[in-house]
Amino acid sequence: MSVEQIELSQCFPFIEKELEDEIISSGAFKKIPKGEYVVKQGSYMNFLPIILDGLIKMYAEEDEVEFLLYYIHPNECCILSFNHLFNQEAVRFSAKTEKDTKVLCLPIEKVKEWFVKYPSFIRIILKDFQRNYEDLLNTTKQVVCYKIEDRLVNYLNEKAKLQNCNMIQMSHQQIASDLGTSREVVSRITKKLQSTNLLIQHKRHIELLASN
């Protein structure tokens, strides 16, 4: 059994053997370094990405302001990409790797075929659609209902969980871009949070305190 077959079986143990064989023969396994685009807003997609290992950040850009949508974890596909199976419009989002990532790229024409042919493939799509939909609802809820200070705290906590580390190696500008605000606002709030012992602002990183 090849490495690709092992990885695919670990991600989706319930898929039919025939579908697994077709994915292996038709899909492209790619290793994408940290900080690289999987797809960039304004481009056109001809594949559906499934994350085998690593982490991808989904975000949109409007008037030169970036805004975090959600993250794609291993064993998940990009449901926003699925939307482009049925039209030829340029994508309205970007996907960029947060760490070295391995992606299985499935040709759109094959995805259309499998969606009709294999029940297990429908389960993958519907499962990820529900998860991404809930992530988008949570993002919208935070923007509408939460103060920027609360959003920043939630964002830093989520980052710590994703990295499994309370040392967050990000600039204030990077954080501001994800939250759709300014660097000055992030700097002001981190100073306030430091005064309340929620975090420590070091020169090159933010340390979340254990009591947070």
N, C-alpha and C. Protein backbone atom coordinates (compact mmCIF):
# COMPACT_ATOMS: atom_id res chain seq x y z
N MET A 1 0.85 -1.20 0.00
CA MET A 1 0.00 0.00 0.00
C MET A 1 0.89 1.25 0.00
N SER A 2 0.58 2.19 -0.88
CA SER A 2 1.38 3.41 -0.99
C SER A 2 1.11 4.34 0.18
N VAL A 3 2.01 5.33 0.35
CA VAL A 3 1.82 6.34 1.39
C VAL A 3 0.51 7.08 1.18
N GLU A 4 0.21 7.39 -0.09
CA GLU A 4 -1.02 8.12 -0.39
C GLU A 4 -2.26 7.30 -0.01
N GLN A 5 -2.24 6.01 -0.27
CA GLN A 5 -3.36 5.15 0.09
C GLN A 5 -3.54 5.09 1.61
N ILE A 6 -2.43 5.01 2.34
CA ILE A 6 -2.50 4.97 3.80
C ILE A 6 -3.10 6.28 4.33
N GLU A 7 -2.62 7.42 3.82
CA GLU A 7 -3.12 8.73 4.26
C GLU A 7 -4.60 8.88 3.94
N LEU A 8 -5.01 8.46 2.76
CA LEU A 8 -6.41 8.57 2.37
C LEU A 8 -7.28 7.67 3.24
N SER A 9 -6.82 6.47 3.52
CA SER A 9 -7.59 5.55 4.36
C SER A 9 -7.73 6.07 5.78
N GLN A 10 -6.69 6.73 6.28
CA GLN A 10 -6.74 7.30 7.63
C GLN A 10 -7.70 8.47 7.70
N CYS A 11 -7.75 9.27 6.64
CA CYS A 11 -8.65 10.42 6.61
C CYS A 11 -10.10 10.00 6.43
N PHE A 12 -10.33 9.06 5.53
CA PHE A 12 -11.69 8.67 5.18
C PHE A 12 -11.81 7.14 5.17
N PRO A 13 -11.86 6.53 6.35
CA PRO A 13 -11.89 5.07 6.43
C PRO A 13 -13.17 4.43 5.91
N PHE A 14 -14.21 5.23 5.71
CA PHE A 14 -15.51 4.67 5.36
C PHE A 14 -15.80 4.70 3.86
N ILE A 15 -14.90 5.25 3.03
CA ILE A 15 -15.22 5.38 1.61
C ILE A 15 -15.08 4.02 0.91
N GLU A 16 -15.82 3.88 -0.20
CA GLU A 16 -15.79 2.65 -0.97
C GLU A 16 -14.41 2.42 -1.57
N LYS A 17 -14.03 1.17 -1.73
CA LYS A 17 -12.73 0.83 -2.33
C LYS A 17 -12.63 1.39 -3.73
N GLU A 18 -13.73 1.35 -4.50
CA GLU A 18 -13.71 1.85 -5.87
C GLU A 18 -13.44 3.36 -5.89
N LEU A 19 -14.05 4.09 -4.94
CA LEU A 19 -13.82 5.53 -4.85
C LEU A 19 -12.38 5.82 -4.44
N GLU A 20 -11.88 5.06 -3.49
CA GLU A 20 -10.48 5.24 -3.07
C GLU A 20 -9.53 5.06 -4.25
N ASP A 21 -9.77 4.04 -5.05
CA ASP A 21 -8.92 3.79 -6.22
C ASP A 21 -9.00 4.95 -7.21
N GLU A 22 -10.20 5.46 -7.43
CA GLU A 22 -10.37 6.57 -8.38
C GLU A 22 -9.69 7.84 -7.88
N ILE A 23 -9.79 8.09 -6.57
CA ILE A 23 -9.15 9.27 -5.99
C ILE A 23 -7.64 9.17 -6.13
N ILE A 24 -7.09 7.99 -5.86
CA ILE A 24 -5.64 7.80 -5.97
C ILE A 24 -5.17 8.03 -7.41
N SER A 25 -5.95 7.53 -8.36
CA SER A 25 -5.53 7.63 -9.76
C SER A 25 -5.77 9.02 -10.36
N SER A 26 -6.78 9.74 -9.86
CA SER A 26 -7.14 11.03 -10.46
C SER A 26 -6.65 12.24 -9.67
N GLY A 27 -6.47 12.07 -8.35
CA GLY A 27 -6.08 13.20 -7.52
C GLY A 27 -4.58 13.49 -7.58
N ALA A 28 -4.22 14.71 -7.19
CA ALA A 28 -2.81 15.12 -7.13
C ALA A 28 -2.46 15.44 -5.68
N PHE A 29 -1.43 14.77 -5.16
CA PHE A 29 -0.97 15.01 -3.79
C PHE A 29 0.12 16.07 -3.83
N LYS A 30 -0.11 17.16 -3.12
CA LYS A 30 0.85 18.27 -3.15
C LYS A 30 1.28 18.66 -1.74
N LYS A 31 2.56 18.96 -1.59
CA LYS A 31 3.10 19.50 -0.35
C LYS A 31 3.29 21.01 -0.54
N ILE A 32 2.61 21.78 0.29
CA ILE A 32 2.64 23.25 0.15
C ILE A 32 3.29 23.85 1.39
N PRO A 33 4.38 24.60 1.22
CA PRO A 33 5.07 25.18 2.39
C PRO A 33 4.21 26.20 3.13
N LYS A 34 4.57 26.46 4.37
CA LYS A 34 3.89 27.46 5.18
C LYS A 34 3.92 28.83 4.49
N GLY A 35 2.75 29.50 4.56
CA GLY A 35 2.66 30.86 4.01
C GLY A 35 2.38 30.95 2.53
N GLU A 36 2.13 29.80 1.87
CA GLU A 36 1.86 29.79 0.43
C GLU A 36 0.35 29.72 0.18
N TYR A 37 -0.05 30.27 -0.97
CA TYR A 37 -1.46 30.21 -1.36
C TYR A 37 -1.81 28.82 -1.89
N VAL A 38 -2.96 28.33 -1.46
CA VAL A 38 -3.58 27.18 -2.11
C VAL A 38 -4.44 27.70 -3.26
N VAL A 39 -5.12 28.79 -3.00
CA VAL A 39 -5.87 29.52 -4.02
C VAL A 39 -5.94 30.97 -3.58
N LYS A 40 -5.91 31.90 -4.53
CA LYS A 40 -5.93 33.32 -4.22
C LYS A 40 -7.21 33.96 -4.75
N GLN A 41 -7.76 34.87 -3.98
CA GLN A 41 -9.00 35.55 -4.36
C GLN A 41 -8.84 36.18 -5.74
N GLY A 42 -9.84 35.97 -6.59
CA GLY A 42 -9.80 36.51 -7.95
C GLY A 42 -9.34 35.51 -8.99
N SER A 43 -8.80 34.37 -8.54
CA SER A 43 -8.36 33.34 -9.48
C SER A 43 -9.50 32.37 -9.76
N TYR A 44 -9.23 31.38 -10.60
CA TYR A 44 -10.24 30.38 -10.95
C TYR A 44 -9.78 29.01 -10.48
N MET A 45 -10.74 28.22 -10.00
CA MET A 45 -10.41 26.90 -9.45
C MET A 45 -10.83 25.79 -10.39
N ASN A 46 -9.98 24.78 -10.50
CA ASN A 46 -10.34 23.58 -11.25
C ASN A 46 -10.13 22.33 -10.41
N PHE A 47 -10.09 22.50 -9.07
CA PHE A 47 -9.90 21.36 -8.18
C PHE A 47 -10.57 21.64 -6.84
N LEU A 48 -10.84 20.55 -6.11
CA LEU A 48 -11.37 20.63 -4.75
C LEU A 48 -10.26 20.16 -3.81
N PRO A 49 -9.77 21.02 -2.90
CA PRO A 49 -8.68 20.60 -2.00
C PRO A 49 -9.20 19.89 -0.76
N ILE A 50 -8.54 18.79 -0.41
CA ILE A 50 -8.79 18.08 0.84
C ILE A 50 -7.47 18.08 1.63
N ILE A 51 -7.53 18.49 2.89
CA ILE A 51 -6.33 18.62 3.70
C ILE A 51 -5.99 17.29 4.36
N LEU A 52 -4.82 16.76 4.06
CA LEU A 52 -4.37 15.52 4.66
C LEU A 52 -3.54 15.78 5.92
N ASP A 53 -2.78 16.87 5.90
CA ASP A 53 -1.95 17.22 7.05
C ASP A 53 -1.65 18.72 6.97
N GLY A 54 -1.57 19.37 8.16
CA GLY A 54 -1.29 20.80 8.18
C GLY A 54 -2.49 21.63 8.58
N LEU A 55 -2.52 22.87 8.09
CA LEU A 55 -3.60 23.80 8.45
C LEU A 55 -3.68 24.89 7.39
N ILE A 56 -4.91 25.23 7.00
CA ILE A 56 -5.13 26.27 5.99
C ILE A 56 -6.07 27.33 6.54
N LYS A 57 -5.70 28.59 6.32
CA LYS A 57 -6.55 29.71 6.73
C LYS A 57 -7.37 30.19 5.54
N MET A 58 -8.67 30.29 5.74
CA MET A 58 -9.57 30.83 4.73
C MET A 58 -9.91 32.27 5.09
N TYR A 59 -9.74 33.17 4.15
CA TYR A 59 -10.07 34.57 4.42
C TYR A 59 -10.51 35.27 3.15
N ALA A 60 -11.19 36.39 3.33
CA ALA A 60 -11.64 37.20 2.21
C ALA A 60 -11.01 38.58 2.31
N GLU A 61 -11.00 39.29 1.21
CA GLU A 61 -10.40 40.63 1.18
C GLU A 61 -11.37 41.60 0.50
N GLU A 62 -11.56 42.74 1.13
CA GLU A 62 -12.45 43.76 0.59
C GLU A 62 -11.83 45.13 0.83
N ASP A 63 -11.63 45.89 -0.25
CA ASP A 63 -11.01 47.21 -0.15
C ASP A 63 -9.69 47.15 0.61
N GLU A 64 -8.87 46.13 0.27
CA GLU A 64 -7.54 45.93 0.84
C GLU A 64 -7.56 45.58 2.33
N VAL A 65 -8.72 45.18 2.84
CA VAL A 65 -8.84 44.73 4.22
C VAL A 65 -9.12 43.23 4.22
N GLU A 66 -8.25 42.45 4.88
CA GLU A 66 -8.46 41.01 4.99
C GLU A 66 -9.35 40.68 6.17
N PHE A 67 -10.09 39.58 6.04
CA PHE A 67 -10.97 39.18 7.12
C PHE A 67 -11.01 37.66 7.21
N LEU A 68 -10.65 37.13 8.39
CA LEU A 68 -10.62 35.69 8.60
C LEU A 68 -12.02 35.09 8.51
N LEU A 69 -12.14 33.98 7.78
CA LEU A 69 -13.40 33.26 7.69
C LEU A 69 -13.39 32.05 8.62
N TYR A 70 -12.48 31.12 8.38
CA TYR A 70 -12.33 29.94 9.24
C TYR A 70 -11.07 29.20 8.83
N TYR A 71 -10.77 28.12 9.54
CA TYR A 71 -9.60 27.29 9.23
C TYR A 71 -10.07 25.93 8.71
N ILE A 72 -9.23 25.34 7.86
CA ILE A 72 -9.47 23.98 7.39
C ILE A 72 -8.41 23.08 8.01
N HIS A 73 -8.87 22.04 8.71
CA HIS A 73 -7.99 21.12 9.42
C HIS A 73 -7.80 19.84 8.61
N PRO A 74 -6.87 18.98 9.05
CA PRO A 74 -6.72 17.68 8.37
C PRO A 74 -8.04 16.91 8.33
N ASN A 75 -8.24 16.17 7.25
CA ASN A 75 -9.43 15.36 7.00
C ASN A 75 -10.63 16.20 6.59
N GLU A 76 -10.42 17.47 6.23
CA GLU A 76 -11.51 18.35 5.83
C GLU A 76 -11.28 18.85 4.41
N CYS A 77 -12.37 19.16 3.73
CA CYS A 77 -12.26 19.79 2.41
C CYS A 77 -12.76 21.23 2.50
N CYS A 78 -12.44 22.00 1.48
CA CYS A 78 -12.84 23.40 1.44
C CYS A 78 -14.21 23.51 0.79
N ILE A 79 -15.23 23.74 1.61
CA ILE A 79 -16.58 23.76 1.08
C ILE A 79 -16.83 24.98 0.21
N LEU A 80 -16.10 26.08 0.44
CA LEU A 80 -16.24 27.24 -0.44
C LEU A 80 -15.77 26.89 -1.85
N SER A 81 -14.78 26.03 -1.94
CA SER A 81 -14.33 25.58 -3.26
C SER A 81 -15.41 24.76 -3.95
N PHE A 82 -16.15 23.99 -3.17
CA PHE A 82 -17.21 23.16 -3.73
C PHE A 82 -18.25 24.01 -4.46
N ASN A 83 -18.45 25.23 -4.00
CA ASN A 83 -19.40 26.13 -4.64
C ASN A 83 -19.02 26.41 -6.09
N HIS A 84 -17.74 26.29 -6.40
CA HIS A 84 -17.28 26.62 -7.75
C HIS A 84 -17.28 25.40 -8.69
N LEU A 85 -17.84 24.30 -8.22
CA LEU A 85 -18.02 23.16 -9.11
C LEU A 85 -19.00 23.48 -10.23
N PHE A 86 -19.95 24.35 -9.94
CA PHE A 86 -21.08 24.55 -10.84
C PHE A 86 -21.09 25.91 -11.52
N ASN A 87 -20.00 26.67 -11.40
CA ASN A 87 -19.89 27.92 -12.14
C ASN A 87 -18.43 28.21 -12.44
N GLN A 88 -18.20 29.15 -13.31
CA GLN A 88 -16.84 29.49 -13.72
C GLN A 88 -16.43 30.87 -13.21
N GLU A 89 -17.02 31.30 -12.09
CA GLU A 89 -16.70 32.60 -11.55
C GLU A 89 -15.38 32.56 -10.78
N ALA A 90 -14.72 33.71 -10.73
CA ALA A 90 -13.51 33.82 -9.92
C ALA A 90 -13.87 33.66 -8.45
N VAL A 91 -12.96 33.05 -7.67
CA VAL A 91 -13.25 32.81 -6.27
C VAL A 91 -13.21 34.12 -5.49
N ARG A 92 -14.03 34.20 -4.45
CA ARG A 92 -14.12 35.41 -3.62
C ARG A 92 -13.50 35.19 -2.25
N PHE A 93 -12.51 34.34 -2.20
CA PHE A 93 -11.79 34.06 -0.96
C PHE A 93 -10.37 33.64 -1.31
N SER A 94 -9.51 33.63 -0.30
CA SER A 94 -8.16 33.11 -0.44
C SER A 94 -7.95 32.00 0.58
N ALA A 95 -7.09 31.07 0.24
CA ALA A 95 -6.72 29.99 1.15
C ALA A 95 -5.20 29.96 1.21
N LYS A 96 -4.65 30.08 2.43
CA LYS A 96 -3.20 30.12 2.60
C LYS A 96 -2.79 29.18 3.73
N THR A 97 -1.67 28.50 3.56
CA THR A 97 -1.21 27.54 4.56
C THR A 97 -0.66 28.26 5.79
N GLU A 98 -1.04 27.76 6.98
CA GLU A 98 -0.54 28.29 8.25
C GLU A 98 0.70 27.52 8.70
N LYS A 99 0.91 26.35 8.15
CA LYS A 99 2.10 25.53 8.40
C LYS A 99 2.31 24.67 7.16
N ASP A 100 3.42 23.96 7.11
CA ASP A 100 3.63 23.05 5.98
C ASP A 100 2.43 22.11 5.89
N THR A 101 1.86 22.02 4.71
CA THR A 101 0.57 21.33 4.55
C THR A 101 0.60 20.38 3.35
N LYS A 102 -0.04 19.23 3.53
CA LYS A 102 -0.20 18.29 2.42
C LYS A 102 -1.65 18.30 1.99
N VAL A 103 -1.86 18.54 0.70
CA VAL A 103 -3.20 18.70 0.15
C VAL A 103 -3.44 17.69 -0.96
N LEU A 104 -4.63 17.11 -0.94
CA LEU A 104 -5.07 16.25 -2.04
C LEU A 104 -5.99 17.09 -2.92
N CYS A 105 -5.57 17.33 -4.15
CA CYS A 105 -6.35 18.15 -5.08
C CYS A 105 -7.14 17.25 -6.02
N LEU A 106 -8.47 17.37 -5.96
CA LEU A 106 -9.35 16.52 -6.76
C LEU A 106 -9.90 17.31 -7.94
N PRO A 107 -9.78 16.79 -9.17
CA PRO A 107 -10.29 17.50 -10.35
C PRO A 107 -11.80 17.74 -10.24
N ILE A 108 -12.22 18.93 -10.60
CA ILE A 108 -13.63 19.29 -10.44
C ILE A 108 -14.55 18.37 -11.22
N GLU A 109 -14.18 18.01 -12.43
CA GLU A 109 -15.05 17.14 -13.23
C GLU A 109 -15.23 15.78 -12.57
N LYS A 110 -14.17 15.27 -11.95
CA LYS A 110 -14.26 14.00 -11.24
C LYS A 110 -15.13 14.14 -9.98
N VAL A 111 -14.98 15.27 -9.29
CA VAL A 111 -15.77 15.51 -8.09
C VAL A 111 -17.25 15.51 -8.43
N LYS A 112 -17.63 16.14 -9.51
CA LYS A 112 -19.02 16.14 -9.95
C LYS A 112 -19.52 14.70 -10.17
N GLU A 113 -18.68 13.92 -10.79
CA GLU A 113 -19.04 12.52 -11.09
C GLU A 113 -19.19 11.72 -9.80
N TRP A 114 -18.24 11.89 -8.88
CA TRP A 114 -18.27 11.12 -7.63
C TRP A 114 -19.43 11.55 -6.73
N PHE A 115 -19.80 12.79 -6.81
CA PHE A 115 -20.89 13.29 -5.98
C PHE A 115 -22.19 12.54 -6.31
N VAL A 116 -22.36 12.15 -7.55
CA VAL A 116 -23.54 11.41 -7.98
C VAL A 116 -23.35 9.90 -7.77
N LYS A 117 -22.15 9.44 -7.96
CA LYS A 117 -21.87 8.00 -8.03
C LYS A 117 -21.66 7.34 -6.67
N TYR A 118 -21.08 8.06 -5.70
CA TYR A 118 -20.66 7.44 -4.45
C TYR A 118 -21.33 8.10 -3.23
N PRO A 119 -22.15 7.35 -2.48
CA PRO A 119 -22.79 7.89 -1.27
C PRO A 119 -21.79 8.38 -0.23
N SER A 120 -20.66 7.70 -0.09
CA SER A 120 -19.68 8.10 0.92
C SER A 120 -19.08 9.47 0.60
N PHE A 121 -18.95 9.79 -0.67
CA PHE A 121 -18.41 11.09 -1.04
C PHE A 121 -19.39 12.20 -0.67
N ILE A 122 -20.68 11.93 -0.83
CA ILE A 122 -21.71 12.88 -0.41
C ILE A 122 -21.60 13.14 1.09
N ARG A 123 -21.32 12.10 1.88
CA ARG A 123 -21.18 12.24 3.33
C ARG A 123 -20.02 13.17 3.67
N ILE A 124 -18.90 13.04 2.94
CA ILE A 124 -17.75 13.92 3.18
C ILE A 124 -18.12 15.38 2.95
N ILE A 125 -18.79 15.63 1.83
CA ILE A 125 -19.16 17.00 1.47
C ILE A 125 -20.14 17.59 2.47
N LEU A 126 -21.19 16.83 2.81
CA LEU A 126 -22.21 17.34 3.72
C LEU A 126 -21.65 17.57 5.12
N LYS A 127 -20.76 16.69 5.56
CA LYS A 127 -20.14 16.84 6.88
C LYS A 127 -19.34 18.13 6.94
N ASP A 128 -18.53 18.36 5.91
CA ASP A 128 -17.71 19.57 5.91
C ASP A 128 -18.53 20.82 5.65
N PHE A 129 -19.61 20.69 4.89
CA PHE A 129 -20.49 21.84 4.69
C PHE A 129 -21.07 22.30 6.02
N GLN A 130 -21.54 21.35 6.82
CA GLN A 130 -22.12 21.71 8.12
C GLN A 130 -21.08 22.35 9.03
N ARG A 131 -19.86 21.78 9.05
CA ARG A 131 -18.82 22.32 9.92
C ARG A 131 -18.41 23.73 9.48
N ASN A 132 -18.20 23.93 8.18
CA ASN A 132 -17.82 25.25 7.69
C ASN A 132 -18.92 26.27 7.87
N TYR A 133 -20.17 25.83 7.69
CA TYR A 133 -21.32 26.71 7.90
C TYR A 133 -21.36 27.18 9.35
N GLU A 134 -21.13 26.27 10.28
CA GLU A 134 -21.13 26.64 11.70
C GLU A 134 -19.97 27.58 12.02
N ASP A 135 -18.82 27.36 11.38
CA ASP A 135 -17.67 28.26 11.57
C ASP A 135 -18.00 29.67 11.09
N LEU A 136 -18.66 29.75 9.93
CA LEU A 136 -19.03 31.06 9.39
C LEU A 136 -20.07 31.75 10.28
N LEU A 137 -21.03 30.98 10.81
CA LEU A 137 -22.00 31.54 11.73
C LEU A 137 -21.33 32.08 12.98
N ASN A 138 -20.35 31.34 13.48
CA ASN A 138 -19.63 31.79 14.67
C ASN A 138 -18.85 33.06 14.39
N THR A 139 -18.22 33.14 13.22
CA THR A 139 -17.50 34.35 12.84
C THR A 139 -18.44 35.54 12.76
N THR A 140 -19.60 35.33 12.12
CA THR A 140 -20.59 36.41 12.00
C THR A 140 -21.10 36.85 13.37
N LYS A 141 -21.34 35.87 14.23
CA LYS A 141 -21.83 36.17 15.58
C LYS A 141 -20.82 37.03 16.34
N GLN A 142 -19.54 36.70 16.21
CA GLN A 142 -18.53 37.47 16.92
C GLN A 142 -18.46 38.89 16.41
N VAL A 143 -18.56 39.06 15.09
CA VAL A 143 -18.50 40.41 14.52
C VAL A 143 -19.68 41.25 14.97
N VAL A 144 -20.87 40.64 14.97
CA VAL A 144 -22.10 41.38 15.28
C VAL A 144 -22.28 41.59 16.78
N CYS A 145 -21.98 40.57 17.56
CA CYS A 145 -22.36 40.59 18.98
C CYS A 145 -21.23 40.91 19.95
N TYR A 146 -19.98 40.68 19.55
CA TYR A 146 -18.88 40.82 20.50
C TYR A 146 -18.12 42.12 20.28
N LYS A 147 -17.61 42.67 21.35
CA LYS A 147 -16.71 43.80 21.26
C LYS A 147 -15.37 43.32 20.71
N ILE A 148 -14.61 44.24 20.13
CA ILE A 148 -13.34 43.86 19.54
C ILE A 148 -12.40 43.25 20.58
N GLU A 149 -12.50 43.71 21.81
CA GLU A 149 -11.66 43.14 22.87
C GLU A 149 -11.97 41.66 23.08
N ASP A 150 -13.25 41.30 23.12
CA ASP A 150 -13.65 39.90 23.30
C ASP A 150 -13.25 39.07 22.08
N ARG A 151 -13.39 39.65 20.90
CA ARG A 151 -13.00 38.93 19.68
C ARG A 151 -11.50 38.64 19.67
N LEU A 152 -10.71 39.60 20.15
CA LEU A 152 -9.26 39.39 20.19
C LEU A 152 -8.90 38.27 21.17
N VAL A 153 -9.53 38.27 22.33
CA VAL A 153 -9.28 37.21 23.32
C VAL A 153 -9.65 35.85 22.73
N ASN A 154 -10.83 35.75 22.11
CA ASN A 154 -11.26 34.49 21.50
C ASN A 154 -10.30 34.06 20.39
N TYR A 155 -9.84 35.02 19.62
CA TYR A 155 -8.92 34.75 18.51
C TYR A 155 -7.60 34.19 19.03
N LEU A 156 -7.05 34.81 20.07
CA LEU A 156 -5.78 34.36 20.62
C LEU A 156 -5.92 32.97 21.25
N ASN A 157 -7.03 32.74 21.93
CA ASN A 157 -7.27 31.41 22.51
C ASN A 157 -7.36 30.34 21.43
N GLU A 158 -8.04 30.67 20.33
CA GLU A 158 -8.17 29.72 19.23
C GLU A 158 -6.81 29.45 18.58
N LYS A 159 -6.01 30.49 18.43
CA LYS A 159 -4.67 30.33 17.88
C LYS A 159 -3.83 29.41 18.76
N ALA A 160 -3.92 29.61 20.07
CA ALA A 160 -3.16 28.78 21.00
C ALA A 160 -3.57 27.32 20.88
N LYS A 161 -4.87 27.05 20.71
CA LYS A 161 -5.35 25.69 20.55
C LYS A 161 -4.84 25.08 19.24
N LEU A 162 -4.88 25.86 18.17
CA LEU A 162 -4.44 25.35 16.87
C LEU A 162 -2.96 25.00 16.89
N GLN A 163 -2.18 25.82 17.59
CA GLN A 163 -0.73 25.62 17.63
C GLN A 163 -0.31 24.71 18.78
N ASN A 164 -1.27 24.43 19.69
CA ASN A 164 -0.97 23.65 20.89
C ASN A 164 0.17 24.29 21.67
N CYS A 165 0.11 25.62 21.77
CA CYS A 165 1.17 26.38 22.43
C CYS A 165 0.62 27.75 22.80
N ASN A 166 0.98 28.24 23.99
CA ASN A 166 0.47 29.55 24.42
C ASN A 166 1.37 30.70 24.00
N MET A 167 2.41 30.40 23.22
CA MET A 167 3.28 31.43 22.65
C MET A 167 2.85 31.67 21.21
N ILE A 168 2.26 32.81 20.93
CA ILE A 168 1.69 33.09 19.61
C ILE A 168 2.63 34.01 18.84
N GLN A 169 3.25 33.44 17.81
CA GLN A 169 4.25 34.16 17.02
C GLN A 169 3.56 34.91 15.88
N MET A 170 2.96 36.03 16.20
CA MET A 170 2.26 36.84 15.19
C MET A 170 2.46 38.31 15.49
N SER A 171 2.54 39.10 14.45
CA SER A 171 2.63 40.55 14.63
C SER A 171 1.24 41.12 14.87
N HIS A 172 1.18 42.32 15.41
CA HIS A 172 -0.10 42.99 15.61
C HIS A 172 -0.79 43.23 14.27
N GLN A 173 -0.01 43.46 13.22
CA GLN A 173 -0.61 43.69 11.90
C GLN A 173 -1.26 42.43 11.36
N GLN A 174 -0.62 41.27 11.58
CA GLN A 174 -1.21 40.01 11.14
C GLN A 174 -2.53 39.73 11.87
N ILE A 175 -2.54 39.98 13.17
CA ILE A 175 -3.75 39.78 13.95
C ILE A 175 -4.84 40.73 13.50
N ALA A 176 -4.47 41.98 13.29
CA ALA A 176 -5.43 42.99 12.85
C ALA A 176 -6.06 42.60 11.51
N SER A 177 -5.26 42.05 10.61
CA SER A 177 -5.78 41.64 9.30
C SER A 177 -6.83 40.55 9.45
N ASP A 178 -6.55 39.57 10.32
CA ASP A 178 -7.50 38.48 10.53
C ASP A 178 -8.80 38.97 11.14
N LEU A 179 -8.71 39.98 12.00
CA LEU A 179 -9.90 40.48 12.69
C LEU A 179 -10.59 41.63 11.95
N GLY A 180 -10.00 42.07 10.86
CA GLY A 180 -10.60 43.16 10.10
C GLY A 180 -10.57 44.48 10.83
N THR A 181 -9.48 44.74 11.55
CA THR A 181 -9.34 46.00 12.28
C THR A 181 -7.95 46.57 12.01
N SER A 182 -7.52 47.55 12.79
CA SER A 182 -6.23 48.19 12.55
C SER A 182 -5.18 47.69 13.55
N ARG A 183 -3.93 47.85 13.17
CA ARG A 183 -2.83 47.46 14.05
C ARG A 183 -2.86 48.27 15.34
N GLU A 184 -3.23 49.54 15.23
CA GLU A 184 -3.27 50.40 16.42
C GLU A 184 -4.29 49.90 17.44
N VAL A 185 -5.43 49.42 16.94
CA VAL A 185 -6.46 48.90 17.84
C VAL A 185 -5.95 47.65 18.55
N VAL A 186 -5.31 46.76 17.82
CA VAL A 186 -4.78 45.54 18.42
C VAL A 186 -3.72 45.88 19.47
N SER A 187 -2.84 46.81 19.15
CA SER A 187 -1.80 47.21 20.10
C SER A 187 -2.40 47.78 21.38
N ARG A 188 -3.41 48.60 21.21
CA ARG A 188 -4.04 49.22 22.39
C ARG A 188 -4.70 48.16 23.27
N ILE A 189 -5.38 47.20 22.64
CA ILE A 189 -6.10 46.20 23.43
C ILE A 189 -5.14 45.22 24.10
N THR A 190 -4.04 44.84 23.41
CA THR A 190 -3.09 43.93 24.03
C THR A 190 -2.44 44.58 25.26
N LYS A 191 -2.20 45.87 25.20
CA LYS A 191 -1.67 46.57 26.39
C LYS A 191 -2.67 46.50 27.55
N LYS A 192 -3.94 46.67 27.22
CA LYS A 192 -4.97 46.59 28.25
C LYS A 192 -5.06 45.19 28.83
N LEU A 193 -5.00 44.17 27.96
CA LEU A 193 -5.08 42.78 28.42
C LEU A 193 -3.86 42.40 29.25
N GLN A 194 -2.73 42.97 28.91
CA GLN A 194 -1.53 42.71 29.70
C GLN A 194 -1.68 43.30 31.11
N SER A 195 -2.30 44.45 31.20
CA SER A 195 -2.48 45.08 32.52
C SER A 195 -3.44 44.28 33.40
N THR A 196 -4.28 43.46 32.78
CA THR A 196 -5.22 42.63 33.55
C THR A 196 -4.72 41.19 33.68
N ASN A 197 -3.45 40.96 33.31
CA ASN A 197 -2.78 39.66 33.48
C ASN A 197 -3.40 38.54 32.64
N LEU A 198 -3.95 38.89 31.48
CA LEU A 198 -4.45 37.86 30.57
C LEU A 198 -3.36 37.40 29.61
N LEU A 199 -2.38 38.25 29.38
CA LEU A 199 -1.29 37.91 28.46
C LEU A 199 -0.07 38.74 28.80
N ILE A 200 1.05 38.35 28.18
CA ILE A 200 2.28 39.13 28.25
C ILE A 200 2.73 39.41 26.82
N GLN A 201 2.94 40.69 26.52
CA GLN A 201 3.40 41.07 25.19
C GLN A 201 4.93 41.09 25.17
N HIS A 202 5.53 40.11 24.51
CA HIS A 202 6.98 40.08 24.35
C HIS A 202 7.35 40.81 23.06
N LYS A 203 8.64 40.90 22.78
CA LYS A 203 9.08 41.66 21.62
C LYS A 203 8.58 41.04 20.31
N ARG A 204 8.63 39.71 20.23
CA ARG A 204 8.29 39.04 18.97
C ARG A 204 7.11 38.09 19.07
N HIS A 205 6.49 38.00 20.23
CA HIS A 205 5.35 37.10 20.36
C HIS A 205 4.48 37.50 21.54
N ILE A 206 3.28 36.93 21.56
CA ILE A 206 2.34 37.14 22.65
C ILE A 206 2.24 35.85 23.45
N GLU A 207 2.34 35.97 24.77
CA GLU A 207 2.23 34.80 25.64
C GLU A 207 0.91 34.85 26.39
N LEU A 208 0.06 33.86 26.14
CA LEU A 208 -1.18 33.76 26.89
C LEU A 208 -0.88 33.12 28.25
N LEU A 209 -1.41 33.69 29.30
CA LEU A 209 -1.15 33.18 30.63
C LEU A 209 -2.05 31.99 30.93
N ALA A 210 -1.57 31.10 31.78
CA ALA A 210 -2.25 29.84 32.04
C ALA A 210 -3.64 30.06 32.63
N SER A 211 -3.82 31.16 33.33
CA SER A 211 -5.13 31.43 33.97
C SER A 211 -6.17 31.88 32.98
N ASN A 212 -5.75 32.19 31.71
CA ASN A 212 -6.68 32.70 30.70
C ASN A 212 -7.53 31.56 30.16
